[in-house]
Amino acid sequence: MPTMTNVTKALAEVSLGGKDKVCVVVGGTTGIGAAIARQFAKLGCSFILVLGRNAERGKAVCAEIERLWLRVGQDGSQGGVYRL
């Protein structure tokens, strides 16, 4: 069974350089899905769509992703977090 350390290492090898990279994370409002969505933000993915069953948790994950983008130097002009 993969651990978060293994997942983080595997995701670090994914090339997300440049703009217009899109990531869809199903089940991204909690647990491993939310951690993967945050990791994609840290790796520089321009657009992240977080899907889940709980709207409030989804809003919290999206807000955290926005903060991560600010830390890695993305200003939102290349992409953004969209709450549906």
N, C-alpha and C. Protein backbone atom coordinates (compact mmCIF):
# COMPACT_ATOMS: atom_id res chain seq x y z
N MET A 1 0.84 -1.18 0.00
CA MET A 1 0.00 0.00 0.00
C MET A 1 0.89 1.24 0.00
N PRO A 2 0.59 2.23 -0.86
CA PRO A 2 1.42 3.44 -0.91
C PRO A 2 1.25 4.29 0.34
N THR A 3 2.33 4.89 0.77
CA THR A 3 2.27 5.83 1.88
C THR A 3 2.29 7.24 1.32
N MET A 4 1.98 8.22 2.15
CA MET A 4 2.00 9.61 1.68
C MET A 4 3.41 10.01 1.25
N THR A 5 4.43 9.45 1.90
CA THR A 5 5.80 9.75 1.49
C THR A 5 6.03 9.27 0.07
N ASN A 6 5.57 8.05 -0.24
CA ASN A 6 5.73 7.52 -1.59
C ASN A 6 4.94 8.34 -2.60
N VAL A 7 3.73 8.75 -2.22
CA VAL A 7 2.89 9.55 -3.12
C VAL A 7 3.56 10.90 -3.38
N THR A 8 4.08 11.52 -2.33
CA THR A 8 4.75 12.81 -2.48
C THR A 8 5.96 12.68 -3.40
N LYS A 9 6.74 11.63 -3.22
CA LYS A 9 7.91 11.40 -4.08
C LYS A 9 7.48 11.20 -5.53
N ALA A 10 6.42 10.41 -5.74
CA ALA A 10 5.95 10.15 -7.10
C ALA A 10 5.43 11.43 -7.75
N LEU A 11 4.68 12.23 -7.00
CA LEU A 11 4.14 13.48 -7.54
C LEU A 11 5.24 14.49 -7.82
N ALA A 12 6.32 14.46 -7.05
CA ALA A 12 7.42 15.38 -7.27
C ALA A 12 8.08 15.14 -8.63
N GLU A 13 7.94 13.94 -9.16
CA GLU A 13 8.52 13.60 -10.45
C GLU A 13 7.61 13.99 -11.62
N VAL A 14 6.38 14.39 -11.32
CA VAL A 14 5.44 14.80 -12.36
C VAL A 14 5.79 16.20 -12.82
N SER A 15 5.88 16.41 -14.12
CA SER A 15 6.21 17.72 -14.65
C SER A 15 4.96 18.57 -14.77
N LEU A 16 4.92 19.65 -14.02
CA LEU A 16 3.80 20.58 -14.10
C LEU A 16 4.28 21.98 -14.43
N GLY A 17 5.49 22.08 -14.97
CA GLY A 17 6.03 23.38 -15.32
C GLY A 17 5.23 24.04 -16.42
N GLY A 18 5.18 25.34 -16.40
CA GLY A 18 4.44 26.08 -17.41
C GLY A 18 3.01 26.31 -17.01
N LYS A 19 2.33 27.14 -17.79
CA LYS A 19 0.95 27.43 -17.44
C LYS A 19 -0.01 26.50 -18.17
N ASP A 20 -1.26 26.60 -17.80
CA ASP A 20 -2.35 25.84 -18.42
C ASP A 20 -2.30 24.34 -18.13
N LYS A 21 -1.70 23.94 -17.02
CA LYS A 21 -1.76 22.55 -16.59
C LYS A 21 -2.98 22.40 -15.71
N VAL A 22 -3.80 21.40 -15.98
CA VAL A 22 -5.05 21.20 -15.27
C VAL A 22 -4.99 19.92 -14.46
N CYS A 23 -5.49 19.98 -13.24
CA CYS A 23 -5.53 18.83 -12.36
C CYS A 23 -6.96 18.68 -11.85
N VAL A 24 -7.50 17.47 -11.91
CA VAL A 24 -8.81 17.17 -11.34
C VAL A 24 -8.59 16.15 -10.24
N VAL A 25 -9.03 16.48 -9.03
CA VAL A 25 -8.87 15.57 -7.90
C VAL A 25 -10.27 15.18 -7.41
N VAL A 26 -10.64 13.94 -7.68
CA VAL A 26 -11.93 13.41 -7.22
C VAL A 26 -11.73 12.95 -5.78
N GLY A 27 -12.61 13.36 -4.89
CA GLY A 27 -12.45 13.04 -3.48
C GLY A 27 -11.40 13.94 -2.84
N GLY A 28 -11.29 15.17 -3.35
CA GLY A 28 -10.25 16.07 -2.91
C GLY A 28 -10.59 16.92 -1.70
N THR A 29 -11.71 16.66 -1.05
CA THR A 29 -12.08 17.50 0.08
C THR A 29 -11.57 16.98 1.42
N THR A 30 -11.08 15.74 1.46
CA THR A 30 -10.56 15.18 2.70
C THR A 30 -9.43 14.21 2.42
N GLY A 31 -8.70 13.91 3.44
CA GLY A 31 -7.72 12.83 3.42
C GLY A 31 -6.68 12.91 2.33
N ILE A 32 -6.45 11.77 1.70
CA ILE A 32 -5.42 11.66 0.67
C ILE A 32 -5.73 12.57 -0.52
N GLY A 33 -7.00 12.66 -0.91
CA GLY A 33 -7.37 13.51 -2.04
C GLY A 33 -7.02 14.97 -1.79
N ALA A 34 -7.31 15.47 -0.58
CA ALA A 34 -6.97 16.85 -0.24
C ALA A 34 -5.46 17.05 -0.22
N ALA A 35 -4.74 16.06 0.29
CA ALA A 35 -3.27 16.15 0.33
C ALA A 35 -2.70 16.18 -1.09
N ILE A 36 -3.27 15.39 -1.98
CA ILE A 36 -2.81 15.38 -3.37
C ILE A 36 -3.11 16.72 -4.04
N ALA A 37 -4.29 17.29 -3.78
CA ALA A 37 -4.63 18.60 -4.35
C ALA A 37 -3.64 19.66 -3.87
N ARG A 38 -3.30 19.64 -2.58
CA ARG A 38 -2.32 20.59 -2.05
C ARG A 38 -0.95 20.38 -2.69
N GLN A 39 -0.57 19.12 -2.88
CA GLN A 39 0.73 18.84 -3.47
C GLN A 39 0.79 19.33 -4.92
N PHE A 40 -0.29 19.15 -5.68
CA PHE A 40 -0.33 19.68 -7.04
C PHE A 40 -0.17 21.20 -7.04
N ALA A 41 -0.76 21.88 -6.06
CA ALA A 41 -0.59 23.34 -5.95
C ALA A 41 0.87 23.69 -5.70
N LYS A 42 1.53 22.93 -4.81
CA LYS A 42 2.94 23.18 -4.52
C LYS A 42 3.82 22.93 -5.74
N LEU A 43 3.40 21.99 -6.59
CA LEU A 43 4.18 21.66 -7.79
C LEU A 43 3.95 22.64 -8.92
N GLY A 44 2.99 23.56 -8.77
CA GLY A 44 2.80 24.60 -9.76
C GLY A 44 1.68 24.38 -10.76
N CYS A 45 0.79 23.47 -10.49
CA CYS A 45 -0.34 23.24 -11.39
C CYS A 45 -1.17 24.52 -11.47
N SER A 46 -1.52 24.95 -12.68
CA SER A 46 -2.23 26.21 -12.87
C SER A 46 -3.70 26.17 -12.50
N PHE A 47 -4.36 25.08 -12.79
CA PHE A 47 -5.79 24.94 -12.52
C PHE A 47 -6.01 23.65 -11.74
N ILE A 48 -6.73 23.74 -10.63
CA ILE A 48 -7.03 22.56 -9.84
C ILE A 48 -8.54 22.53 -9.59
N LEU A 49 -9.16 21.44 -10.01
CA LEU A 49 -10.59 21.24 -9.77
C LEU A 49 -10.71 20.20 -8.68
N VAL A 50 -11.28 20.58 -7.54
CA VAL A 50 -11.44 19.70 -6.40
C VAL A 50 -12.89 19.26 -6.34
N LEU A 51 -13.11 17.96 -6.41
CA LEU A 51 -14.46 17.41 -6.36
C LEU A 51 -14.64 16.62 -5.07
N GLY A 52 -15.79 16.78 -4.43
CA GLY A 52 -16.07 16.05 -3.21
C GLY A 52 -17.53 16.20 -2.83
N ARG A 53 -17.92 15.53 -1.76
CA ARG A 53 -19.32 15.53 -1.35
C ARG A 53 -19.67 16.65 -0.37
N ASN A 54 -18.67 17.26 0.26
CA ASN A 54 -18.94 18.25 1.29
C ASN A 54 -18.47 19.63 0.82
N ALA A 55 -19.41 20.53 0.60
CA ALA A 55 -19.09 21.86 0.07
C ALA A 55 -18.22 22.67 1.03
N GLU A 56 -18.48 22.59 2.31
CA GLU A 56 -17.70 23.37 3.28
C GLU A 56 -16.25 22.91 3.31
N ARG A 57 -16.03 21.61 3.30
CA ARG A 57 -14.65 21.11 3.28
C ARG A 57 -13.98 21.47 1.96
N GLY A 58 -14.75 21.45 0.88
CA GLY A 58 -14.21 21.84 -0.42
C GLY A 58 -13.75 23.29 -0.42
N LYS A 59 -14.54 24.17 0.17
CA LYS A 59 -14.16 25.59 0.28
C LYS A 59 -12.89 25.74 1.09
N ALA A 60 -12.75 24.96 2.15
CA ALA A 60 -11.55 25.04 3.00
C ALA A 60 -10.32 24.58 2.23
N VAL A 61 -10.43 23.50 1.47
CA VAL A 61 -9.30 23.01 0.67
C VAL A 61 -8.93 24.04 -0.40
N CYS A 62 -9.93 24.62 -1.05
CA CYS A 62 -9.66 25.63 -2.08
C CYS A 62 -8.97 26.85 -1.49
N ALA A 63 -9.39 27.28 -0.32
CA ALA A 63 -8.74 28.42 0.33
C ALA A 63 -7.29 28.09 0.66
N GLU A 64 -7.04 26.87 1.11
CA GLU A 64 -5.67 26.47 1.41
C GLU A 64 -4.81 26.43 0.15
N ILE A 65 -5.39 25.95 -0.95
CA ILE A 65 -4.67 25.92 -2.23
C ILE A 65 -4.31 27.34 -2.66
N GLU A 66 -5.24 28.27 -2.51
CA GLU A 66 -4.95 29.66 -2.86
C GLU A 66 -3.78 30.20 -2.04
N ARG A 67 -3.73 29.88 -0.74
CA ARG A 67 -2.61 30.32 0.10
C ARG A 67 -1.30 29.67 -0.35
N LEU A 68 -1.35 28.40 -0.73
CA LEU A 68 -0.14 27.71 -1.21
C LEU A 68 0.37 28.36 -2.48
N TRP A 69 -0.53 28.74 -3.40
CA TRP A 69 -0.12 29.38 -4.63
C TRP A 69 0.62 30.68 -4.34
N LEU A 70 0.15 31.43 -3.36
CA LEU A 70 0.82 32.68 -3.02
C LEU A 70 2.23 32.41 -2.51
N ARG A 71 2.40 31.30 -1.77
CA ARG A 71 3.72 30.95 -1.24
C ARG A 71 4.68 30.50 -2.33
N VAL A 72 4.17 29.85 -3.38
CA VAL A 72 5.05 29.37 -4.45
C VAL A 72 5.16 30.37 -5.59
N GLY A 73 4.56 31.57 -5.41
CA GLY A 73 4.76 32.64 -6.37
C GLY A 73 3.73 32.74 -7.47
N GLN A 74 2.65 31.98 -7.39
CA GLN A 74 1.61 32.13 -8.40
C GLN A 74 0.63 33.20 -7.92
N ASP A 75 0.31 34.12 -8.79
CA ASP A 75 -0.56 35.23 -8.41
C ASP A 75 -2.01 35.02 -8.83
N GLY A 76 -2.32 33.87 -9.37
CA GLY A 76 -3.69 33.61 -9.80
C GLY A 76 -3.96 34.05 -11.22
N SER A 77 -3.03 34.76 -11.85
CA SER A 77 -3.28 35.24 -13.21
C SER A 77 -3.23 34.09 -14.23
N GLN A 78 -2.55 33.01 -13.89
CA GLN A 78 -2.47 31.87 -14.81
C GLN A 78 -3.61 30.90 -14.60
N GLY A 79 -4.23 30.94 -13.47
CA GLY A 79 -5.26 29.97 -13.17
C GLY A 79 -6.02 30.40 -11.94
N GLY A 80 -6.59 29.45 -11.28
CA GLY A 80 -7.31 29.82 -10.08
C GLY A 80 -8.07 28.66 -9.51
N VAL A 81 -8.69 28.95 -8.40
CA VAL A 81 -9.53 27.99 -7.71
C VAL A 81 -10.97 28.41 -7.99
N TYR A 82 -11.75 27.49 -8.46
CA TYR A 82 -13.13 27.79 -8.79
C TYR A 82 -14.03 26.98 -7.89
N ARG A 83 -14.91 27.67 -7.20
CA ARG A 83 -15.85 27.01 -6.31
C ARG A 83 -17.18 26.90 -7.04
N LEU A 84 -17.64 25.67 -7.17
CA LEU A 84 -18.91 25.43 -7.86
C LEU A 84 -20.00 25.08 -6.88
